[in-house]
Amino acid sequence: MLKERIAQLDEAVRQAAAGLLPFALVPDLCNQLKAQIGIEERATQIKSGKALLHDARSELKKKLCSESLFSDIPSISQKQRQN
C-alpha cells in the first residue's frame, strides 16, 4: 500500500514537473529569458537588414559601373563638350 502511494505521488510530481510548474517557480528567470530572447531576435533582424543592404549596395554599384548604363545617350562630340 505504501509503495503504491509513493508511486502515485512520484507520478504526480513527474506530471507537475513536465508541465508549467517549473516555470511558475522561477518567474524572474522566465522574465530574464524572455528579455534575452527579445534581444537576440532584434540582433538577428539587424544582421539580416545589414546583409540585405550590403547585397543591394553591391547590386547598385555593379549597375552604376556597367558600360550599358549610359548606352542609350547619344555621344557628345569634343567640340560640343567645350561649348
Protein backbone atom coordinates (compact mmCIF):
# COMPACT_ATOMS: atom_id res chain seq x y z
CA MET A 1 0.00 0.00 0.00
CA LEU A 2 2.81 2.41 0.90
CA LYS A 3 4.70 1.59 -2.29
CA GLU A 4 1.57 2.25 -4.34
CA ARG A 5 1.08 5.62 -2.68
CA ILE A 6 4.76 6.52 -3.28
CA ALA A 7 4.37 5.53 -6.94
CA GLN A 8 1.23 7.69 -7.25
CA LEU A 9 2.92 10.68 -5.70
CA ASP A 10 6.01 10.12 -7.83
CA GLU A 11 3.82 10.16 -10.94
CA ALA A 12 2.04 13.31 -9.76
CA VAL A 13 5.41 15.05 -9.26
CA ARG A 14 6.58 13.93 -12.71
CA GLN A 15 3.44 15.32 -14.34
CA ALA A 16 3.76 18.61 -12.50
CA ALA A 17 7.43 18.89 -13.45
CA ALA A 18 6.58 18.15 -17.08
CA GLY A 19 4.05 21.00 -17.19
CA LEU A 20 4.26 24.65 -16.23
CA LEU A 21 5.18 24.18 -12.57
CA PRO A 22 8.94 24.67 -13.08
CA PHE A 23 8.27 27.96 -14.82
CA ALA A 24 5.90 29.07 -12.09
CA LEU A 25 8.64 28.51 -9.52
CA VAL A 26 11.14 30.82 -11.25
CA PRO A 27 9.23 33.81 -12.70
CA ASP A 28 12.26 36.13 -12.55
CA LEU A 29 14.31 33.68 -14.58
CA CYS A 30 11.46 33.40 -17.08
CA ASN A 31 11.38 37.18 -17.45
CA GLN A 32 15.15 37.28 -17.98
CA LEU A 33 14.86 34.56 -20.60
CA LYS A 34 12.06 36.44 -22.37
CA ALA A 35 14.17 39.61 -22.43
CA GLN A 36 17.21 37.70 -23.74
CA ILE A 37 15.17 36.10 -26.50
CA GLY A 38 13.91 39.57 -27.49
CA ILE A 39 17.47 40.92 -27.60
CA GLU A 40 18.65 38.00 -29.72
CA GLU A 41 15.68 38.36 -32.07
CA ARG A 42 16.44 42.05 -32.59
CA ALA A 43 20.12 41.29 -33.21
CA THR A 44 19.12 38.73 -35.84
CA GLN A 45 16.82 41.27 -37.52
CA ILE A 46 19.61 43.85 -37.59
CA LYS A 47 22.06 41.33 -39.03
CA SER A 48 19.55 40.35 -41.73
CA GLY A 49 18.91 44.00 -42.55
CA LYS A 50 22.61 44.70 -42.88
CA ALA A 51 23.04 41.72 -45.20
CA LEU A 52 20.12 42.92 -47.33
CA LEU A 53 21.58 46.43 -47.55
CA HIS A 54 25.01 45.04 -48.43
CA ASP A 55 23.52 42.98 -51.26
CA ALA A 56 21.53 45.96 -52.55
CA ARG A 57 24.64 48.16 -52.40
CA SER A 58 26.66 45.60 -54.35
CA GLU A 59 23.94 45.30 -56.99
CA LEU A 60 23.61 49.08 -57.32
CA LYS A 61 27.38 49.50 -57.54
CA LYS A 62 27.54 46.86 -60.27
CA LYS A 63 24.78 48.59 -62.25
CA LEU A 64 26.38 52.03 -61.90
CA CYS A 65 29.74 50.74 -63.12
CA SER A 66 28.17 48.98 -66.10
CA GLU A 67 29.11 50.13 -69.59
CA SER A 68 25.49 49.86 -70.72
CA LEU A 69 24.22 52.36 -68.13
CA PHE A 70 24.54 55.32 -70.48
CA SER A 71 24.47 53.41 -73.77
CA ASP A 72 21.16 54.95 -74.88
CA ILE A 73 22.51 58.52 -74.55
CA PRO A 74 24.00 59.84 -77.81
CA SER A 75 27.70 60.62 -77.85
CA ILE A 76 28.73 64.23 -77.36
CA SER A 77 31.50 65.43 -79.58
CA GLN A 78 34.58 67.10 -78.17
CA LYS A 79 33.51 70.40 -79.75
CA GLN A 80 30.10 70.27 -78.03
CA ARG A 81 31.74 69.49 -74.70
CA GLN A 82 33.87 72.64 -74.91
CA ASN A 83 30.90 74.90 -75.50
